[in-house]
Amino acid sequence: MDLRLNATLFDYSFVAVYLFFVIAIGVVTRRKVLTSEDYFLSGRSLPAWICALAFLSANIGATELIGMSANGSQYGLGTVHYYWIGAVPAMVFLGLMMMPFYYGSRVRSVPEYLRLRFNKATHLYQSIVFAVATILVAGVNLFALALLINVLIGLPLWASIIASAGVVLLYTTMGGLTATMYNEVLQFLIIVAFLVPLTVGGLARVGGVSGLIDTLNQTQVLGENGLSVWGGTGLGNTTNPFGNWVALLLGMGFVNSFGYWTTNFTEVQRALSAKDMSAARRTPIIAAIPKMFLPLIIITPGLIAAVLIPELATGELSHNEALPALIGNILPTGLVGLALAALIAAFMAGMAVNVSSFNTVVTYDLWETYIRPNREDVYYLRVGR
């Protein structure tokens, strides 16, 4: 099955307009960057709702859009556990319990908090591991974007990599974290504006929610537990792709979830940029509300693809191609451009969030602490840029 989109010049105009606004945000926010704290933490001046949307967008990279839609098309409704068990409780815990420690201690990063709480050895180890991990994840996002764009519109890999990396480099260099976060808000709105018509249009094609359920029950393409959130997760059922309910609650819901959401600086950095303690605590809590409903527009398209794209069941297409295939099947000319802009925005969000947090840790936790301490603030601003 050919996944190439039938995009017109009008469709590409969506991408051009989006890229224009992304760069414009970097130009405008550059004037607000006077100190290193302005550059790395937005001067701790942003309202809770901006921080919350940026916090949410920082986790909605294209790997999640494509991956969770793929899980929906392969495994069904059990995928919601990644949200309801694996994210929301830990996000609320971060706001209620952890942000008073992070924000109250006035640290600039999670590794810096570990230095205050433990020692320099812990701090150095965490800083290096985090820096290496984030730059590798940013690279994965960059290469995945290039592969997807190559499949959808035929643009060479090198061209996609240079263009997308150049845009992210441009606005992060100019406006720092403020530009990154405002762009993350824009990216979140574009992603939602793309997913809602895709979901609604897909449901209309399969006869609504009831038609989707009936078709999935009749075809059994998702198996007997595909439409059950807890189906097949009883004790002893370790062959279920989501494990059993004990593994879900303790493994995903406690170890993995709390380990990620409460210590991952790429997320915590958004809350640290809030204007006061109250806004910092409310940031992940506010973000948890739309996070609960994201499965409606991320996993549901996967369920629809399982019905409308028979090549998924036959193996002609991998489940990772469910979302791109559904875009070509559902969206008309015009909205295809919105889909392209949204996918590019999602990849850029995933890449920019890792770049901004990497930059902060390298400058503050490595360069300032161990290599060039006690220099003027403007020096560290230059190093960051």
Protein backbone atom coordinates (compact mmCIF):
# COMPACT_ATOMS: atom_id res chain seq x y z
CA MET A 1 0.00 0.00 0.00
CA ASP A 2 1.39 3.38 -1.03
CA LEU A 3 1.32 5.85 1.87
CA ARG A 4 2.24 8.86 -0.25
CA LEU A 5 -0.15 11.73 0.46
CA ASN A 6 -1.88 13.55 -2.36
CA ALA A 7 -0.78 16.96 -1.09
CA THR A 8 -1.37 20.15 -3.07
CA LEU A 9 0.27 23.56 -2.93
CA PHE A 10 -2.54 24.65 -0.61
CA ASP A 11 -1.67 21.79 1.76
CA TYR A 12 1.97 22.84 1.85
CA SER A 13 0.90 26.37 2.73
CA PHE A 14 -0.18 25.05 6.17
CA VAL A 15 3.38 23.89 6.79
CA ALA A 16 4.82 27.20 5.58
CA VAL A 17 2.50 29.24 7.84
CA TYR A 18 3.30 27.03 10.82
CA LEU A 19 7.07 27.37 10.29
CA PHE A 20 6.66 31.15 9.94
CA PHE A 21 4.91 31.42 13.32
CA VAL A 22 7.46 29.12 14.97
CA ILE A 23 10.34 31.33 13.88
CA ALA A 24 8.38 34.53 14.66
CA ILE A 25 7.89 33.35 18.25
CA GLY A 26 11.65 32.92 18.55
CA VAL A 27 12.25 36.46 17.22
CA VAL A 28 9.69 38.05 19.55
CA THR A 29 10.78 36.21 22.70
CA ARG A 30 14.45 36.99 22.08
CA ARG A 31 13.89 40.50 23.46
CA LYS A 32 12.90 39.02 26.83
CA VAL A 33 16.14 37.10 27.28
CA LEU A 34 18.49 39.23 29.38
CA THR A 35 19.88 36.69 31.88
CA SER A 36 20.70 33.01 31.92
CA GLU A 37 17.58 32.37 34.02
CA ASP A 38 15.51 34.09 31.33
CA TYR A 39 17.08 31.80 28.74
CA PHE A 40 16.95 28.48 30.62
CA LEU A 41 13.89 28.93 32.87
CA SER A 42 11.89 31.75 31.24
CA GLY A 43 12.79 33.96 34.18
CA ARG A 44 10.36 31.90 36.31
CA SER A 45 7.64 34.20 35.02
CA LEU A 46 5.10 32.14 33.04
CA PRO A 47 1.46 31.57 34.11
CA ALA A 48 0.25 28.12 35.09
CA TRP A 49 -1.86 27.53 31.96
CA ILE A 50 1.08 28.17 29.60
CA CYS A 51 3.31 25.89 31.68
CA ALA A 52 0.59 23.21 31.78
CA LEU A 53 0.05 23.15 28.01
CA ALA A 54 3.81 23.13 27.42
CA PHE A 55 4.15 20.35 30.02
CA LEU A 56 1.53 18.33 28.15
CA SER A 57 2.91 19.09 24.70
CA ALA A 58 6.42 18.12 25.78
CA ASN A 59 5.20 14.54 26.11
CA ILE A 60 3.13 14.45 22.91
CA GLY A 61 5.88 13.91 20.42
CA ALA A 62 5.19 12.20 17.13
CA THR A 63 6.57 8.97 18.54
CA GLU A 64 3.62 8.97 20.96
CA LEU A 65 1.09 9.90 18.27
CA ILE A 66 2.27 7.16 15.95
CA GLY A 67 3.10 4.64 18.69
CA MET A 68 -0.13 4.93 20.67
CA SER A 69 -2.24 4.86 17.51
CA ALA A 70 -0.28 1.75 16.52
CA ASN A 71 -0.99 0.15 19.91
CA GLY A 72 -4.66 0.99 19.51
CA SER A 73 -4.79 -0.67 16.09
CA GLN A 74 -2.97 -3.76 17.39
CA TYR A 75 -4.11 -4.23 21.00
CA GLY A 76 -7.23 -2.10 21.41
CA LEU A 77 -8.51 -0.23 24.45
CA GLY A 78 -5.91 -1.62 26.83
CA THR A 79 -3.63 1.11 25.49
CA VAL A 80 -5.43 3.65 27.72
CA HIS A 81 -3.41 2.26 30.66
CA TYR A 82 -0.45 4.28 29.41
CA TYR A 83 -2.50 7.38 30.21
CA TRP A 84 -4.84 6.55 33.09
CA ILE A 85 -2.42 4.33 35.02
CA GLY A 86 0.96 5.28 33.60
CA ALA A 87 0.68 9.09 33.62
CA VAL A 88 -2.19 10.87 35.39
CA PRO A 89 -1.60 9.67 39.01
CA ALA A 90 2.12 10.51 38.84
CA MET A 91 1.41 13.93 37.29
CA VAL A 92 -0.90 14.77 40.19
CA PHE A 93 1.69 13.48 42.68
CA LEU A 94 4.35 15.67 41.07
CA GLY A 95 2.21 18.76 41.57
CA LEU A 96 1.11 17.98 45.11
CA MET A 97 4.26 16.47 46.60
CA MET A 98 7.38 17.04 44.49
CA MET A 99 7.09 20.58 43.15
CA PRO A 100 7.30 22.10 46.67
CA PHE A 101 10.76 20.49 46.93
CA TYR A 102 11.92 21.41 43.43
CA TYR A 103 10.51 24.93 43.24
CA GLY A 104 10.96 25.73 46.93
CA SER A 105 14.67 24.91 46.83
CA ARG A 106 15.08 27.29 43.82
CA VAL A 107 17.07 24.68 41.89
CA ARG A 108 17.46 25.12 38.16
CA SER A 109 17.33 21.42 37.27
CA VAL A 110 16.57 18.02 38.73
CA PRO A 111 20.27 17.01 38.80
CA GLU A 112 20.97 20.16 40.82
CA TYR A 113 18.36 19.09 43.35
CA LEU A 114 20.12 15.73 43.65
CA ARG A 115 23.35 17.55 44.45
CA LEU A 116 21.63 19.42 47.27
CA ARG A 117 19.90 16.29 48.51
CA PHE A 118 22.84 13.86 48.19
CA ASN A 119 26.32 14.75 46.93
CA LYS A 120 28.36 15.87 43.94
CA ALA A 121 29.07 12.32 42.77
CA THR A 122 25.34 11.66 42.40
CA HIS A 123 24.94 15.02 40.70
CA LEU A 124 27.71 14.43 38.17
CA TYR A 125 26.52 10.92 37.31
CA GLN A 126 22.90 12.02 36.83
CA SER A 127 23.90 15.06 34.78
CA ILE A 128 26.01 13.03 32.35
CA VAL A 129 23.46 10.23 31.99
CA PHE A 130 20.63 12.72 31.44
CA ALA A 131 22.60 14.75 28.89
CA VAL A 132 23.53 11.69 26.85
CA ALA A 133 20.01 10.23 27.02
CA THR A 134 18.25 13.44 25.99
CA ILE A 135 20.48 14.13 23.01
CA LEU A 136 19.99 10.54 21.80
CA VAL A 137 16.20 10.83 22.15
CA ALA A 138 16.29 14.13 20.25
CA GLY A 139 18.21 12.34 17.51
CA VAL A 140 15.63 9.56 17.40
CA ASN A 141 12.84 12.16 16.98
CA LEU A 142 14.80 13.90 14.24
CA PHE A 143 15.49 10.72 12.27
CA ALA A 144 11.93 9.42 12.75
CA LEU A 145 10.55 12.70 11.37
CA ALA A 146 12.79 12.41 8.33
CA LEU A 147 11.64 8.83 7.69
CA LEU A 148 7.96 9.75 8.01
CA ILE A 149 8.20 12.80 5.76
CA ASN A 150 10.08 10.71 3.21
CA VAL A 151 7.25 8.15 3.20
CA LEU A 152 4.44 10.72 3.10
CA ILE A 153 5.72 13.27 0.58
CA GLY A 154 9.01 11.87 -0.75
CA LEU A 155 11.36 14.51 0.70
CA PRO A 156 14.92 13.11 1.08
CA LEU A 157 16.06 12.23 4.59
CA TRP A 158 18.91 14.73 4.61
CA ALA A 159 16.63 17.59 3.59
CA SER A 160 14.13 16.84 6.35
CA ILE A 161 16.88 16.56 8.95
CA ILE A 162 18.56 19.83 7.97
CA ALA A 163 15.30 21.77 7.70
CA SER A 164 13.69 20.60 10.94
CA ALA A 165 16.90 20.75 12.98
CA GLY A 166 17.63 24.20 11.58
CA VAL A 167 14.23 25.57 12.58
CA VAL A 168 14.47 24.17 16.12
CA LEU A 169 18.04 25.47 16.42
CA LEU A 170 16.96 28.91 15.26
CA TYR A 171 14.10 29.54 17.67
CA THR A 172 15.70 27.87 20.69
CA THR A 173 18.91 29.88 20.19
CA MET A 174 16.98 33.13 19.98
CA GLY A 175 14.29 32.77 22.63
CA GLY A 176 15.49 29.95 24.85
CA LEU A 177 12.94 28.11 26.96
CA THR A 178 10.30 30.83 26.53
CA ALA A 179 10.31 30.37 22.75
CA THR A 180 10.29 26.60 23.19
CA MET A 181 7.32 26.64 25.56
CA TYR A 182 5.20 29.06 23.54
CA ASN A 183 5.90 26.94 20.49
CA GLU A 184 4.88 23.85 22.46
CA VAL A 185 1.53 25.52 23.17
CA LEU A 186 1.14 26.24 19.44
CA GLN A 187 2.16 22.67 18.62
CA PHE A 188 -0.39 21.23 21.05
CA LEU A 189 -3.20 23.28 19.48
CA ILE A 190 -2.21 22.21 15.97
CA ILE A 191 -2.01 18.55 16.99
CA VAL A 192 -5.50 18.69 18.51
CA ALA A 193 -6.83 20.57 15.46
CA PHE A 194 -5.54 17.69 13.30
CA LEU A 195 -6.60 14.76 15.48
CA VAL A 196 -10.18 15.90 16.13
CA PRO A 197 -11.29 15.97 12.45
CA LEU A 198 -9.35 12.77 11.80
CA THR A 199 -11.21 11.02 14.62
CA VAL A 200 -14.61 12.48 13.75
CA GLY A 201 -14.16 11.75 10.05
CA GLY A 202 -13.04 8.21 10.80
CA LEU A 203 -16.02 7.56 13.05
CA ALA A 204 -18.36 8.88 10.35
CA ARG A 205 -16.84 6.38 7.89
CA VAL A 206 -17.43 3.40 10.19
CA GLY A 207 -20.94 4.33 11.32
CA GLY A 208 -20.16 6.16 14.54
CA VAL A 209 -19.08 4.73 17.86
CA SER A 210 -21.66 1.94 17.74
CA GLY A 211 -20.66 1.02 14.20
CA LEU A 212 -17.00 0.90 15.19
CA ILE A 213 -17.74 -1.36 18.16
CA ASP A 214 -19.99 -3.66 16.13
CA THR A 215 -17.43 -4.01 13.34
CA LEU A 216 -14.59 -4.74 15.75
CA ASN A 217 -16.71 -7.34 17.54
CA GLN A 218 -17.65 -9.03 14.27
CA THR A 219 -14.20 -9.05 12.70
CA GLN A 220 -12.25 -9.79 15.91
CA VAL A 221 -9.19 -8.05 14.40
CA LEU A 222 -8.22 -6.95 17.94
CA GLY A 223 -8.85 -10.32 19.54
CA GLU A 224 -11.40 -11.14 22.22
CA ASN A 225 -10.13 -8.52 24.68
CA GLY A 226 -9.54 -5.67 22.25
CA LEU A 227 -12.54 -3.64 23.41
CA SER A 228 -11.99 -4.30 27.11
CA VAL A 229 -9.71 -2.06 29.17
CA TRP A 230 -8.98 -4.77 31.74
CA GLY A 231 -9.61 -7.79 29.55
CA GLY A 232 -7.05 -10.54 29.91
CA THR A 233 -5.23 -8.84 32.80
CA GLY A 234 -6.28 -11.30 35.50
CA LEU A 235 -3.79 -12.96 37.82
CA GLY A 236 -1.54 -15.43 36.04
CA ASN A 237 -2.23 -14.03 32.58
CA THR A 238 1.35 -12.98 31.85
CA THR A 239 0.94 -13.58 28.11
CA ASN A 240 -1.29 -10.51 27.77
CA PRO A 241 0.69 -7.69 26.08
CA PHE A 242 -0.16 -5.44 29.01
CA GLY A 243 0.63 -8.08 31.65
CA ASN A 244 -1.74 -8.69 34.54
CA TRP A 245 -3.34 -6.07 36.76
CA VAL A 246 -0.66 -6.40 39.45
CA ALA A 247 2.08 -5.69 36.92
CA LEU A 248 0.08 -2.79 35.52
CA LEU A 249 -0.48 -1.13 38.87
CA LEU A 250 2.94 -1.75 40.39
CA GLY A 251 5.14 -1.81 37.30
CA MET A 252 3.61 0.79 35.03
CA GLY A 253 1.55 2.72 37.58
CA PHE A 254 4.22 3.00 40.27
CA VAL A 255 7.79 2.20 39.23
CA ASN A 256 7.76 3.35 35.61
CA SER A 257 5.22 6.16 35.91
CA PHE A 258 6.49 7.83 39.07
CA GLY A 259 10.09 7.34 37.97
CA TYR A 260 9.41 9.18 34.72
CA TRP A 261 7.00 11.96 35.60
CA THR A 262 8.50 13.05 38.91
CA THR A 263 12.22 13.01 38.00
CA ASN A 264 12.39 13.65 34.24
CA PHE A 265 13.77 17.15 33.87
CA THR A 266 12.32 17.56 30.37
CA GLU A 267 8.90 17.69 32.06
CA VAL A 268 9.85 19.28 35.39
CA GLN A 269 11.60 22.16 33.61
CA ARG A 270 8.21 23.41 32.39
CA ALA A 271 6.90 23.61 35.95
CA LEU A 272 10.11 25.26 37.19
CA SER A 273 9.49 28.13 34.77
CA ALA A 274 6.20 29.05 36.49
CA LYS A 275 5.85 32.47 38.08
CA ASP A 276 5.32 31.26 41.66
CA MET A 277 4.93 28.16 43.82
CA SER A 278 1.18 27.96 43.26
CA ALA A 279 1.56 28.05 39.48
CA ALA A 280 4.38 25.47 39.62
CA ARG A 281 2.23 23.04 41.63
CA ARG A 282 -0.80 23.55 39.41
CA THR A 283 1.17 22.98 36.18
CA PRO A 284 1.20 19.14 36.14
CA ILE A 285 -2.24 18.96 37.80
CA ILE A 286 -3.85 21.12 35.12
CA ALA A 287 -2.01 19.12 32.44
CA ALA A 288 -3.40 15.88 33.89
CA ILE A 289 -6.98 16.91 32.99
CA PRO A 290 -6.59 16.93 29.17
CA LYS A 291 -4.17 14.00 29.50
CA MET A 292 -7.11 11.86 30.67
CA PHE A 293 -9.03 12.61 27.46
CA LEU A 294 -6.21 12.35 24.93
CA PRO A 295 -6.95 8.63 24.29
CA LEU A 296 -10.18 9.77 22.62
CA ILE A 297 -8.24 11.38 19.78
CA ILE A 298 -5.00 9.34 19.84
CA ILE A 299 -6.09 5.73 20.47
CA THR A 300 -9.48 5.93 18.74
CA PRO A 301 -7.86 6.59 15.33
CA GLY A 302 -5.93 3.36 15.87
CA LEU A 303 -9.19 1.47 16.44
CA ILE A 304 -10.63 3.07 13.30
CA ALA A 305 -7.53 2.11 11.31
CA ALA A 306 -7.97 -1.51 12.40
CA VAL A 307 -11.34 -1.42 10.60
CA LEU A 308 -10.59 0.76 7.57
CA ILE A 309 -7.03 -0.38 6.77
CA PRO A 310 -7.18 -4.16 6.11
CA GLU A 311 -3.48 -4.19 5.23
CA LEU A 312 -2.75 -3.89 8.96
CA ALA A 313 -4.39 -7.25 9.65
CA THR A 314 -2.70 -8.97 6.70
CA GLY A 315 0.73 -7.66 7.63
CA GLU A 316 1.21 -5.68 4.42
CA LEU A 317 1.53 -2.61 6.63
CA SER A 318 3.05 -2.49 10.09
CA HIS A 319 0.92 -1.07 12.88
CA ASN A 320 3.34 1.85 13.14
CA GLU A 321 1.97 2.91 9.76
CA ALA A 322 -1.65 2.94 10.97
CA LEU A 323 -1.85 6.69 11.55
CA PRO A 324 -0.17 7.74 8.26
CA ALA A 325 -2.39 5.30 6.35
CA LEU A 326 -5.52 6.63 8.06
CA ILE A 327 -4.57 10.22 7.18
CA GLY A 328 -4.50 9.37 3.48
CA ASN A 329 -7.75 7.40 3.80
CA ILE A 330 -9.80 9.97 5.72
CA LEU A 331 -8.60 13.53 5.32
CA PRO A 332 -9.52 15.54 2.20
CA THR A 333 -7.27 17.98 0.36
CA GLY A 334 -6.57 20.92 2.63
CA LEU A 335 -6.70 19.00 5.86
CA VAL A 336 -3.81 16.88 4.60
CA GLY A 337 -1.69 19.99 4.96
CA LEU A 338 -2.90 20.42 8.53
CA ALA A 339 -1.92 16.81 9.22
CA LEU A 340 1.56 17.39 7.81
CA ALA A 341 1.97 20.53 9.91
CA ALA A 342 0.76 18.67 13.02
CA LEU A 343 3.14 15.75 12.52
CA ILE A 344 6.06 18.12 11.95
CA ALA A 345 4.98 20.07 15.04
CA ALA A 346 4.82 16.89 17.11
CA PHE A 347 8.32 15.84 16.07
CA MET A 348 9.67 19.34 16.68
CA ALA A 349 8.07 19.39 20.13
CA GLY A 350 9.74 16.10 21.02
CA MET A 351 13.09 17.31 19.71
CA ALA A 352 12.96 20.82 21.18
CA VAL A 353 12.01 19.66 24.67
CA ASN A 354 15.05 17.41 24.78
CA VAL A 355 17.35 20.08 23.35
CA SER A 356 16.25 22.72 25.87
CA SER A 357 16.65 20.44 28.88
CA PHE A 358 19.99 19.11 27.54
CA ASN A 359 21.21 22.67 27.11
CA THR A 360 20.26 23.61 30.67
CA VAL A 361 21.90 20.59 32.28
CA VAL A 362 25.12 20.92 30.26
CA THR A 363 25.43 24.64 31.00
CA TYR A 364 24.40 24.74 34.66
CA ASP A 365 25.18 21.27 35.98
CA LEU A 366 28.33 20.46 34.03
CA TRP A 367 29.94 23.60 32.63
CA GLU A 368 29.21 26.01 35.48
CA THR A 369 29.67 23.48 38.29
CA TYR A 370 32.74 21.55 37.14
CA ILE A 371 34.45 23.30 34.22
CA ARG A 372 34.07 27.10 34.48
CA PRO A 373 32.59 28.06 37.87
CA ASN A 374 32.09 31.55 39.27
CA ARG A 375 31.88 33.41 35.97
CA GLU A 376 29.55 36.31 35.20
CA ASP A 377 25.96 35.42 34.35
CA VAL A 378 26.27 36.75 30.80
CA TYR A 379 29.01 34.20 30.19
CA TYR A 380 26.67 31.27 30.93
CA LEU A 381 24.03 32.86 28.72
CA ARG A 382 26.54 32.85 25.85
CA VAL A 383 27.52 29.25 26.61
CA GLY A 384 23.89 28.18 26.49
CA ARG A 385 23.30 29.87 23.17
